[in-house]
Amino acid sequence: MAVSEKAKKLNKESVRGWLENRKGWKRQANRLTKDFVFTRFRDSIVFVNRVATIADSCKHHPDMDVRGGTVTLSLSTEEVGGITEKDIGLAEQIDFATSWQGGR
């Protein structure tokens, strides 16, 4: 799938402004990341499956790293080599759909 002309890498100021209002999300290089911590491994897998459903509906998939009860999500748009509105939109949907479980 080719990158649409609307998929443009956001500048650092735009990302910084978005991060100011987002609990737990960080910028690491050209990616948005967030850790979600669970008391049980099973809960972390349920969370991963929930995120997978959201990501499939958006046709945009995060990297997910599962380490025991911690799931780290990492969002970036490979085609532009950085953070786009697609990444921010997916992060917002994940936060909304998983608001019952905060990230740290």
PDB file of N, CA and C in Angstrom:
ATOM      1  N   MET A   1       0.828  -1.173   0.000  1.00  0.00           N
ATOM      2  CA  MET A   1       0.000   0.000   0.000  1.00  0.00           C
ATOM      3  C   MET A   1       0.879   1.245   0.000  1.00  0.00           C
ATOM      4  N   ALA A   2       0.666   2.118  -0.933  1.00  0.00           N
ATOM      5  CA  ALA A   2       1.456   3.334  -1.022  1.00  0.00           C
ATOM      6  C   ALA A   2       1.023   4.325   0.052  1.00  0.00           C
ATOM      7  N   VAL A   3       1.948   5.160   0.435  1.00  0.00           N
ATOM      8  CA  VAL A   3       1.640   6.182   1.425  1.00  0.00           C
ATOM      9  C   VAL A   3       0.793   7.253   0.763  1.00  0.00           C
ATOM     10  N   SER A   4      -0.313   7.595   1.393  1.00  0.00           N
ATOM     11  CA  SER A   4      -1.127   8.670   0.853  1.00  0.00           C
ATOM     12  C   SER A   4      -0.400   9.983   1.097  1.00  0.00           C
ATOM     13  N   GLU A   5      -0.753  10.993   0.328  1.00  0.00           N
ATOM     14  CA  GLU A   5      -0.102  12.277   0.493  1.00  0.00           C
ATOM     15  C   GLU A   5      -0.419  12.886   1.855  1.00  0.00           C
ATOM     16  N   LYS A   6      -1.476  12.426   2.513  1.00  0.00           N
ATOM     17  CA  LYS A   6      -1.847  12.954   3.814  1.00  0.00           C
ATOM     18  C   LYS A   6      -0.955  12.417   4.922  1.00  0.00           C
ATOM     19  N   ALA A   7      -0.255  11.305   4.692  1.00  0.00           N
ATOM     20  CA  ALA A   7       0.611  10.718   5.718  1.00  0.00           C
ATOM     21  C   ALA A   7       1.941  11.454   5.702  1.00  0.00           C
ATOM     22  N   LYS A   8       2.043  12.446   6.581  1.00  0.00           N
ATOM     23  CA  LYS A   8       3.276  13.226   6.662  1.00  0.00           C
ATOM     24  C   LYS A   8       3.827  13.156   8.071  1.00  0.00           C
ATOM     25  N   LYS A   9       5.128  13.099   8.150  1.00  0.00           N
ATOM     26  CA  LYS A   9       5.814  13.058   9.430  1.00  0.00           C
ATOM     27  C   LYS A   9       5.535  14.363  10.185  1.00  0.00           C
ATOM     28  N   LEU A  10       5.136  14.221  11.446  1.00  0.00           N
ATOM     29  CA  LEU A  10       4.868  15.400  12.272  1.00  0.00           C
ATOM     30  C   LEU A  10       6.180  15.989  12.775  1.00  0.00           C
ATOM     31  N   ASN A  11       6.200  17.311  12.931  1.00  0.00           N
ATOM     32  CA  ASN A  11       7.409  17.934  13.464  1.00  0.00           C
ATOM     33  C   ASN A  11       7.473  17.735  14.978  1.00  0.00           C
ATOM     34  N   LYS A  12       8.640  17.976  15.537  1.00  0.00           N
ATOM     35  CA  LYS A  12       8.870  17.729  16.965  1.00  0.00           C
ATOM     36  C   LYS A  12       7.938  18.555  17.848  1.00  0.00           C
ATOM     37  N   GLU A  13       7.652  19.781  17.448  1.00  0.00           N
ATOM     38  CA  GLU A  13       6.787  20.639  18.250  1.00  0.00           C
ATOM     39  C   GLU A  13       5.368  20.089  18.312  1.00  0.00           C
ATOM     40  N   SER A  14       4.865  19.568  17.210  1.00  0.00           N
ATOM     41  CA  SER A  14       3.519  18.986  17.191  1.00  0.00           C
ATOM     42  C   SER A  14       3.446  17.769  18.096  1.00  0.00           C
ATOM     43  N   VAL A  15       4.449  16.921  18.028  1.00  0.00           N
ATOM     44  CA  VAL A  15       4.478  15.723  18.871  1.00  0.00           C
ATOM     45  C   VAL A  15       4.612  16.131  20.333  1.00  0.00           C
ATOM     46  N   ARG A  16       5.479  17.074  20.621  1.00  0.00           N
ATOM     47  CA  ARG A  16       5.672  17.542  22.000  1.00  0.00           C
ATOM     48  C   ARG A  16       4.361  18.098  22.554  1.00  0.00           C
ATOM     49  N   GLY A  17       3.645  18.878  21.776  1.00  0.00           N
ATOM     50  CA  GLY A  17       2.365  19.421  22.216  1.00  0.00           C
ATOM     51  C   GLY A  17       1.351  18.332  22.514  1.00  0.00           C
ATOM     52  N   TRP A  18       1.298  17.314  21.679  1.00  0.00           N
ATOM     53  CA  TRP A  18       0.380  16.198  21.908  1.00  0.00           C
ATOM     54  C   TRP A  18       0.757  15.449  23.187  1.00  0.00           C
ATOM     55  N   LEU A  19       2.041  15.226  23.392  1.00  0.00           N
ATOM     56  CA  LEU A  19       2.502  14.483  24.565  1.00  0.00           C
ATOM     57  C   LEU A  19       2.187  15.200  25.876  1.00  0.00           C
ATOM     58  N   GLU A  20       2.117  16.513  25.858  1.00  0.00           N
ATOM     59  CA  GLU A  20       1.837  17.270  27.076  1.00  0.00           C
ATOM     60  C   GLU A  20       0.492  16.888  27.694  1.00  0.00           C
ATOM     61  N   ASN A  21      -0.440  16.442  26.870  1.00  0.00           N
ATOM     62  CA  ASN A  21      -1.784  16.098  27.337  1.00  0.00           C
ATOM     63  C   ASN A  21      -2.036  14.599  27.386  1.00  0.00           C
ATOM     64  N   ARG A  22      -0.990  13.795  27.320  1.00  0.00           N
ATOM     65  CA  ARG A  22      -1.138  12.346  27.270  1.00  0.00           C
ATOM     66  C   ARG A  22      -0.362  11.677  28.375  1.00  0.00           C
ATOM     67  N   LYS A  23      -1.076  10.980  29.241  1.00  0.00           N
ATOM     68  CA  LYS A  23      -0.442  10.275  30.346  1.00  0.00           C
ATOM     69  C   LYS A  23       0.268   9.016  29.846  1.00  0.00           C
ATOM     70  N   GLY A  24       1.542   8.912  30.182  1.00  0.00           N
ATOM     71  CA  GLY A  24       2.285   7.688  29.915  1.00  0.00           C
ATOM     72  C   GLY A  24       2.985   7.596  28.571  1.00  0.00           C
ATOM     73  N   TRP A  25       2.560   8.351  27.592  1.00  0.00           N
ATOM     74  CA  TRP A  25       3.203   8.274  26.278  1.00  0.00           C
ATOM     75  C   TRP A  25       4.497   9.080  26.291  1.00  0.00           C
ATOM     76  N   LYS A  26       5.516   8.535  25.598  1.00  0.00           N
ATOM     77  CA  LYS A  26       6.811   9.190  25.484  1.00  0.00           C
ATOM     78  C   LYS A  26       7.244   9.157  24.028  1.00  0.00           C
ATOM     79  N   ARG A  27       8.119  10.061  23.689  1.00  0.00           N
ATOM     80  CA  ARG A  27       8.753  10.018  22.377  1.00  0.00           C
ATOM     81  C   ARG A  27      10.139   9.419  22.564  1.00  0.00           C
ATOM     82  N   GLN A  28      10.414   8.373  21.811  1.00  0.00           N
ATOM     83  CA  GLN A  28      11.744   7.775  21.807  1.00  0.00           C
ATOM     84  C   GLN A  28      12.182   7.711  20.356  1.00  0.00           C
ATOM     85  N   ALA A  29      13.143   8.572  20.024  1.00  0.00           N
ATOM     86  CA  ALA A  29      13.600   8.730  18.638  1.00  0.00           C
ATOM     87  C   ALA A  29      12.396   9.103  17.781  1.00  0.00           C
ATOM     88  N   ASN A  30      12.059   8.315  16.803  1.00  0.00           N
ATOM     89  CA  ASN A  30      10.944   8.608  15.894  1.00  0.00           C
ATOM     90  C   ASN A  30       9.729   7.748  16.189  1.00  0.00           C
ATOM     91  N   ARG A  31       9.509   7.444  17.469  1.00  0.00           N
ATOM     92  CA  ARG A  31       8.405   6.574  17.857  1.00  0.00           C
ATOM     93  C   ARG A  31       7.694   7.117  19.090  1.00  0.00           C
ATOM     94  N   LEU A  32       6.408   6.787  19.196  1.00  0.00           N
ATOM     95  CA  LEU A  32       5.658   7.006  20.426  1.00  0.00           C
ATOM     96  C   LEU A  32       5.660   5.687  21.179  1.00  0.00           C
ATOM     97  N   THR A  33       5.936   5.714  22.477  1.00  0.00           N
ATOM     98  CA  THR A  33       5.936   4.482  23.256  1.00  0.00           C
ATOM     99  C   THR A  33       5.148   4.683  24.548  1.00  0.00           C
ATOM    100  N   LYS A  34       4.616   3.578  25.049  1.00  0.00           N
ATOM    101  CA  LYS A  34       3.916   3.594  26.327  1.00  0.00           C
ATOM    102  C   LYS A  34       3.979   2.197  26.937  1.00  0.00           C
ATOM    103  N   ASP A  35       4.219   2.138  28.246  1.00  0.00           N
ATOM    104  CA  ASP A  35       4.214   0.883  28.995  1.00  0.00           C
ATOM    105  C   ASP A  35       2.869   0.719  29.692  1.00  0.00           C
ATOM    106  N   PHE A  36       2.308  -0.461  29.601  1.00  0.00           N
ATOM    107  CA  PHE A  36       1.092  -0.832  30.316  1.00  0.00           C
ATOM    108  C   PHE A  36       1.475  -1.970  31.248  1.00  0.00           C
ATOM    109  N   VAL A  37       1.174  -1.822  32.539  1.00  0.00           N
ATOM    110  CA  VAL A  37       1.601  -2.797  33.544  1.00  0.00           C
ATOM    111  C   VAL A  37       0.389  -3.513  34.118  1.00  0.00           C
ATOM    112  N   PHE A  38       0.472  -4.836  34.174  1.00  0.00           N
ATOM    113  CA  PHE A  38      -0.607  -5.690  34.668  1.00  0.00           C
ATOM    114  C   PHE A  38      -0.078  -6.572  35.785  1.00  0.00           C
ATOM    115  N   THR A  39      -0.966  -6.983  36.667  1.00  0.00           N
ATOM    116  CA  THR A  39      -0.537  -7.837  37.775  1.00  0.00           C
ATOM    117  C   THR A  39      -0.372  -9.287  37.344  1.00  0.00           C
ATOM    118  N   ARG A  40      -1.084  -9.676  36.278  1.00  0.00           N
ATOM    119  CA  ARG A  40      -0.992 -11.067  35.812  1.00  0.00           C
ATOM    120  C   ARG A  40      -0.624 -11.106  34.326  1.00  0.00           C
ATOM    121  N   PHE A  41       0.162 -12.091  33.966  1.00  0.00           N
ATOM    122  CA  PHE A  41       0.559 -12.276  32.568  1.00  0.00           C
ATOM    123  C   PHE A  41      -0.667 -12.423  31.672  1.00  0.00           C
ATOM    124  N   ARG A  42      -1.640 -13.186  32.133  1.00  0.00           N
ATOM    125  CA  ARG A  42      -2.863 -13.409  31.352  1.00  0.00           C
ATOM    126  C   ARG A  42      -3.531 -12.078  30.994  1.00  0.00           C
ATOM    127  N   ASP A  43      -3.536 -11.128  31.931  1.00  0.00           N
ATOM    128  CA  ASP A  43      -4.134  -9.816  31.676  1.00  0.00           C
ATOM    129  C   ASP A  43      -3.368  -9.062  30.587  1.00  0.00           C
ATOM    130  N   SER A  44      -2.065  -9.237  30.556  1.00  0.00           N
ATOM    131  CA  SER A  44      -1.278  -8.566  29.517  1.00  0.00           C
ATOM    132  C   SER A  44      -1.619  -9.133  28.135  1.00  0.00           C
ATOM    133  N   ILE A  45      -1.890 -10.424  28.056  1.00  0.00           N
ATOM    134  CA  ILE A  45      -2.253 -11.036  26.769  1.00  0.00           C
ATOM    135  C   ILE A  45      -3.649 -10.605  26.339  1.00  0.00           C
ATOM    136  N   VAL A  46      -4.576 -10.485  27.273  1.00  0.00           N
ATOM    137  CA  VAL A  46      -5.917  -9.969  26.954  1.00  0.00           C
ATOM    138  C   VAL A  46      -5.785  -8.555  26.382  1.00  0.00           C
ATOM    139  N   PHE A  47      -4.935  -7.742  27.005  1.00  0.00           N
ATOM    140  CA  PHE A  47      -4.689  -6.386  26.542  1.00  0.00           C
ATOM    141  C   PHE A  47      -4.124  -6.386  25.118  1.00  0.00           C
ATOM    142  N   VAL A  48      -3.121  -7.227  24.864  1.00  0.00           N
ATOM    143  CA  VAL A  48      -2.526  -7.318  23.524  1.00  0.00           C
ATOM    144  C   VAL A  48      -3.597  -7.659  22.484  1.00  0.00           C
ATOM    145  N   ASN A  49      -4.478  -8.581  22.819  1.00  0.00           N
ATOM    146  CA  ASN A  49      -5.547  -8.939  21.882  1.00  0.00           C
ATOM    147  C   ASN A  49      -6.502  -7.779  21.640  1.00  0.00           C
ATOM    148  N   ARG A  50      -6.791  -7.015  22.678  1.00  0.00           N
ATOM    149  CA  ARG A  50      -7.656  -5.836  22.517  1.00  0.00           C
ATOM    150  C   ARG A  50      -6.989  -4.811  21.596  1.00  0.00           C
ATOM    151  N   VAL A  51      -5.704  -4.568  21.818  1.00  0.00           N
ATOM    152  CA  VAL A  51      -4.967  -3.621  20.974  1.00  0.00           C
ATOM    153  C   VAL A  51      -4.913  -4.128  19.532  1.00  0.00           C
ATOM    154  N   ALA A  52      -4.737  -5.422  19.354  1.00  0.00           N
ATOM    155  CA  ALA A  52      -4.694  -5.990  18.000  1.00  0.00           C
ATOM    156  C   ALA A  52      -5.999  -5.734  17.255  1.00  0.00           C
ATOM    157  N   THR A  53      -7.129  -5.848  17.937  1.00  0.00           N
ATOM    158  CA  THR A  53      -8.425  -5.586  17.313  1.00  0.00           C
ATOM    159  C   THR A  53      -8.532  -4.127  16.884  1.00  0.00           C
ATOM    160  N   ILE A  54      -8.113  -3.224  17.760  1.00  0.00           N
ATOM    161  CA  ILE A  54      -8.142  -1.793  17.429  1.00  0.00           C
ATOM    162  C   ILE A  54      -7.219  -1.507  16.247  1.00  0.00           C
ATOM    163  N   ALA A  55      -6.023  -2.049  16.299  1.00  0.00           N
ATOM    164  CA  ALA A  55      -5.035  -1.804  15.239  1.00  0.00           C
ATOM    165  C   ALA A  55      -5.523  -2.334  13.894  1.00  0.00           C
ATOM    166  N   ASP A  56      -6.134  -3.514  13.889  1.00  0.00           N
ATOM    167  CA  ASP A  56      -6.670  -4.054  12.643  1.00  0.00           C
ATOM    168  C   ASP A  56      -7.738  -3.148  12.065  1.00  0.00           C
ATOM    169  N   SER A  57      -8.590  -2.597  12.924  1.00  0.00           N
ATOM    170  CA  SER A  57      -9.654  -1.717  12.426  1.00  0.00           C
ATOM    171  C   SER A  57      -9.077  -0.432  11.840  1.00  0.00           C
ATOM    172  N   CYS A  58      -7.913  -0.011  12.331  1.00  0.00           N
ATOM    173  CA  CYS A  58      -7.249   1.198  11.824  1.00  0.00           C
ATOM    174  C   CYS A  58      -6.306   0.902  10.651  1.00  0.00           C
ATOM    175  N   LYS A  59      -6.041  -0.376  10.425  1.00  0.00           N
ATOM    176  CA  LYS A  59      -5.060  -0.791   9.420  1.00  0.00           C
ATOM    177  C   LYS A  59      -3.689  -0.143   9.682  1.00  0.00           C
ATOM    178  N   HIS A  60      -3.355  -0.089  10.960  1.00  0.00           N
ATOM    179  CA  HIS A  60      -2.075   0.485  11.398  1.00  0.00           C
ATOM    180  C   HIS A  60      -1.668  -0.267  12.658  1.00  0.00           C
ATOM    181  N   HIS A  61      -0.519  -0.904  12.638  1.00  0.00           N
ATOM    182  CA  HIS A  61      -0.161  -1.842  13.698  1.00  0.00           C
ATOM    183  C   HIS A  61       1.072  -1.393  14.489  1.00  0.00           C
ATOM    184  N   PRO A  62       0.938  -1.382  15.820  1.00  0.00           N
ATOM    185  CA  PRO A  62       2.084  -1.027  16.658  1.00  0.00           C
ATOM    186  C   PRO A  62       3.014  -2.216  16.839  1.00  0.00           C
ATOM    187  N   ASP A  63       4.240  -1.919  17.247  1.00  0.00           N
ATOM    188  CA  ASP A  63       5.109  -2.978  17.748  1.00  0.00           C
ATOM    189  C   ASP A  63       4.671  -3.209  19.187  1.00  0.00           C
ATOM    190  N   MET A  64       4.599  -4.470  19.591  1.00  0.00           N
ATOM    191  CA  MET A  64       4.198  -4.812  20.945  1.00  0.00           C
ATOM    192  C   MET A  64       5.233  -5.743  21.546  1.00  0.00           C
ATOM    193  N   ASP A  65       5.723  -5.375  22.719  1.00  0.00           N
ATOM    194  CA  ASP A  65       6.709  -6.168  23.431  1.00  0.00           C
ATOM    195  C   ASP A  65       6.086  -6.598  24.756  1.00  0.00           C
ATOM    196  N   VAL A  66       5.969  -7.907  24.955  1.00  0.00           N
ATOM    197  CA  VAL A  66       5.378  -8.445  26.173  1.00  0.00           C
ATOM    198  C   VAL A  66       6.486  -9.042  27.022  1.00  0.00           C
ATOM    199  N   ARG A  67       6.610  -8.528  28.246  1.00  0.00           N
ATOM    200  CA  ARG A  67       7.600  -9.032  29.206  1.00  0.00           C
ATOM    201  C   ARG A  67       6.876  -9.255  30.519  1.00  0.00           C
ATOM    202  N   GLY A  68       6.418 -10.482  30.723  1.00  0.00           N
ATOM    203  CA  GLY A  68       5.658 -10.784  31.940  1.00  0.00           C
ATOM    204  C   GLY A  68       4.379  -9.974  31.965  1.00  0.00           C
ATOM    205  N   GLY A  69       4.239  -9.120  32.968  1.00  0.00           N
ATOM    206  CA  GLY A  69       3.042  -8.308  33.101  1.00  0.00           C
ATOM    207  C   GLY A  69       3.148  -6.931  32.479  1.00  0.00           C
ATOM    208  N   THR A  70       4.221  -6.661  31.754  1.00  0.00           N
ATOM    209  CA  THR A  70       4.384  -5.354  31.121  1.00  0.00           C
ATOM    210  C   THR A  70       4.304  -5.483  29.606  1.00  0.00           C
ATOM    211  N   VAL A  71       3.457  -4.650  29.019  1.00  0.00           N
ATOM    212  CA  VAL A  71       3.341  -4.577  27.563  1.00  0.00           C
ATOM    213  C   VAL A  71       3.797  -3.186  27.147  1.00  0.00           C
ATOM    214  N   THR A  72       4.776  -3.127  26.262  1.00  0.00           N
ATOM    215  CA  THR A  72       5.240  -1.852  25.732  1.00  0.00           C
ATOM    216  C   THR A  72       4.754  -1.736  24.295  1.00  0.00           C
ATOM    217  N   LEU A  73       4.023  -0.650  24.027  1.00  0.00           N
ATOM    218  CA  LEU A  73       3.569  -0.364  22.673  1.00  0.00           C
ATOM    219  C   LEU A  73       4.490   0.676  22.066  1.00  0.00           C
ATOM    220  N   SER A  74       4.763   0.524  20.798  1.00  0.00           N
ATOM    221  CA  SER A  74       5.611   1.456  20.072  1.00  0.00           C
ATOM    222  C   SER A  74       4.949   1.752  18.732  1.00  0.00           C
ATOM    223  N   LEU A  75       4.709   3.041  18.478  1.00  0.00           N
ATOM    224  CA  LEU A  75       4.005   3.452  17.264  1.00  0.00           C
ATOM    225  C   LEU A  75       4.885   4.341  16.402  1.00  0.00           C
ATOM    226  N   SER A  76       4.904   4.029  15.120  1.00  0.00           N
ATOM    227  CA  SER A  76       5.619   4.829  14.138  1.00  0.00           C
ATOM    228  C   SER A  76       5.093   4.446  12.762  1.00  0.00           C
ATOM    229  N   THR A  77       5.209   5.357  11.825  1.00  0.00           N
ATOM    230  CA  THR A  77       4.795   5.065  10.458  1.00  0.00           C
ATOM    231  C   THR A  77       6.058   4.850   9.630  1.00  0.00           C
ATOM    232  N   GLU A  78       6.331   3.597   9.323  1.00  0.00           N
ATOM    233  CA  GLU A  78       7.574   3.233   8.626  1.00  0.00           C
ATOM    234  C   GLU A  78       7.769   3.989   7.324  1.00  0.00           C
ATOM    235  N   GLU A  79       6.673   4.168   6.580  1.00  0.00           N
ATOM    236  CA  GLU A  79       6.768   4.774   5.261  1.00  0.00           C
ATOM    237  C   GLU A  79       7.354   6.179   5.279  1.00  0.00           C
ATOM    238  N   VAL A  80       7.193   6.890   6.401  1.00  0.00           N
ATOM    239  CA  VAL A  80       7.734   8.250   6.486  1.00  0.00           C
ATOM    240  C   VAL A  80       8.885   8.347   7.488  1.00  0.00           C
ATOM    241  N   GLY A  81       9.157   7.247   8.178  1.00  0.00           N
ATOM    242  CA  GLY A  81      10.264   7.231   9.122  1.00  0.00           C
ATOM    243  C   GLY A  81      10.038   8.070  10.363  1.00  0.00           C
ATOM    244  N   GLY A  82       8.789   8.104  10.812  1.00  0.00           N
ATOM    245  CA  GLY A  82       8.522   8.887  12.008  1.00  0.00           C
ATOM    246  C   GLY A  82       7.074   8.817  12.442  1.00  0.00           C
ATOM    247  N   ILE A  83       6.692   9.786  13.264  1.00  0.00           N
ATOM    248  CA  ILE A  83       5.363   9.846  13.858  1.00  0.00           C
ATOM    249  C   ILE A  83       4.439  10.658  12.967  1.00  0.00           C
ATOM    250  N   THR A  84       3.252  10.089  12.698  1.00  0.00           N
ATOM    251  CA  THR A  84       2.254  10.767  11.877  1.00  0.00           C
ATOM    252  C   THR A  84       0.936  10.852  12.641  1.00  0.00           C
ATOM    253  N   GLU A  85      -0.042  11.491  12.023  1.00  0.00           N
ATOM    254  CA  GLU A  85      -1.392  11.549  12.593  1.00  0.00           C
ATOM    255  C   GLU A  85      -1.961  10.138  12.790  1.00  0.00           C
ATOM    256  N   LYS A  86      -1.567   9.183  11.938  1.00  0.00           N
ATOM    257  CA  LYS A  86      -2.025   7.800  12.107  1.00  0.00           C
ATOM    258  C   LYS A  86      -1.584   7.247  13.455  1.00  0.00           C
ATOM    259  N   ASP A  87      -0.367   7.547  13.853  1.00  0.00           N
ATOM    260  CA  ASP A  87       0.159   7.054  15.129  1.00  0.00           C
ATOM    261  C   ASP A  87      -0.570   7.713  16.301  1.00  0.00           C
ATOM    262  N   ILE A  88      -0.764   9.006  16.214  1.00  0.00           N
ATOM    263  CA  ILE A  88      -1.468   9.726  17.279  1.00  0.00           C
ATOM    264  C   ILE A  88      -2.916   9.244  17.371  1.00  0.00           C
ATOM    265  N   GLY A  89      -3.553   9.063  16.228  1.00  0.00           N
ATOM    266  CA  GLY A  89      -4.933   8.570  16.231  1.00  0.00           C
ATOM    267  C   GLY A  89      -5.050   7.194  16.854  1.00  0.00           C
ATOM    268  N   LEU A  90      -4.124   6.307  16.518  1.00  0.00           N
ATOM    269  CA  LEU A  90      -4.143   4.962  17.095  1.00  0.00           C
ATOM    270  C   LEU A  90      -3.874   5.019  18.600  1.00  0.00           C
ATOM    271  N   ALA A  91      -2.917   5.838  19.021  1.00  0.00           N
ATOM    272  CA  ALA A  91      -2.622   5.980  20.448  1.00  0.00           C
ATOM    273  C   ALA A  91      -3.862   6.460  21.197  1.00  0.00           C
ATOM    274  N   GLU A  92      -4.573   7.415  20.638  1.00  0.00           N
ATOM    275  CA  GLU A  92      -5.782   7.930  21.284  1.00  0.00           C
ATOM    276  C   GLU A  92      -6.867   6.865  21.372  1.00  0.00           C
ATOM    277  N   GLN A  93      -7.019   6.075  20.312  1.00  0.00           N
ATOM    278  CA  GLN A  93      -8.013   4.996  20.343  1.00  0.00           C
ATOM    279  C   GLN A  93      -7.653   3.940  21.375  1.00  0.00           C
ATOM    280  N   ILE A  94      -6.381   3.616  21.475  1.00  0.00           N
ATOM    281  CA  ILE A  94      -5.929   2.634  22.469  1.00  0.00           C
ATOM    282  C   ILE A  94      -6.203   3.165  23.873  1.00  0.00           C
ATOM    283  N   ASP A  95      -5.858   4.430  24.123  1.00  0.00           N
ATOM    284  CA  ASP A  95      -6.118   5.016  25.438  1.00  0.00           C
ATOM    285  C   ASP A  95      -7.611   5.005  25.764  1.00  0.00           C
ATOM    286  N   PHE A  96      -8.442   5.369  24.805  1.00  0.00           N
ATOM    287  CA  PHE A  96      -9.886   5.413  25.043  1.00  0.00           C
ATOM    288  C   PHE A  96     -10.431   4.015  25.331  1.00  0.00           C
ATOM    289  N   ALA A  97     -10.028   3.051  24.516  1.00  0.00           N
ATOM    290  CA  ALA A  97     -10.561   1.686  24.645  1.00  0.00           C
ATOM    291  C   ALA A  97     -10.021   0.959  25.867  1.00  0.00           C
ATOM    292  N   THR A  98      -8.913   1.430  26.399  1.00  0.00           N
ATOM    293  CA  THR A  98      -8.301   0.739  27.528  1.00  0.00           C
ATOM    294  C   THR A  98      -8.230   1.641  28.755  1.00  0.00           C
ATOM    295  N   SER A  99      -9.102   2.637  28.818  1.00  0.00           N
ATOM    296  CA  SER A  99      -9.028   3.605  29.918  1.00  0.00           C
ATOM    297  C   SER A  99      -9.254   2.984  31.281  1.00  0.00           C
ATOM    298  N   TRP A 100      -9.825   1.795  31.314  1.00  0.00           N
ATOM    299  CA  TRP A 100     -10.009   1.069  32.574  1.00  0.00           C
ATOM    300  C   TRP A 100      -8.676   0.662  33.162  1.00  0.00           C
ATOM    301  N   GLN A 101      -7.632   0.616  32.321  1.00  0.00           N
ATOM    302  CA  GLN A 101      -6.306   0.181  32.770  1.00  0.00           C
ATOM    303  C   GLN A 101      -5.305   1.258  32.396  1.00  0.00           C
ATOM    304  N   GLY A 102      -4.810   2.020  33.319  1.00  0.00           N
ATOM    305  CA  GLY A 102      -3.852   3.062  33.001  1.00  0.00           C
ATOM    306  C   GLY A 102      -2.509   2.522  32.597  1.00  0.00           C
ATOM    307  N   GLY A 103      -1.732   3.327  31.950  1.00  0.00           N
ATOM    308  CA  GLY A 103      -0.337   3.005  31.664  1.00  0.00           C
ATOM    309  C   GLY A 103       0.519   3.786  32.647  1.00  0.00           C
ATOM    310  N   ARG A 104       1.772   3.444  32.738  1.00  0.00           N
ATOM    311  CA  ARG A 104       2.597   4.244  33.637  1.00  0.00           C
ATOM    312  C   ARG A 104       3.463   5.188  32.872  1.00  0.00           C
TER     313      ARG A 104
END
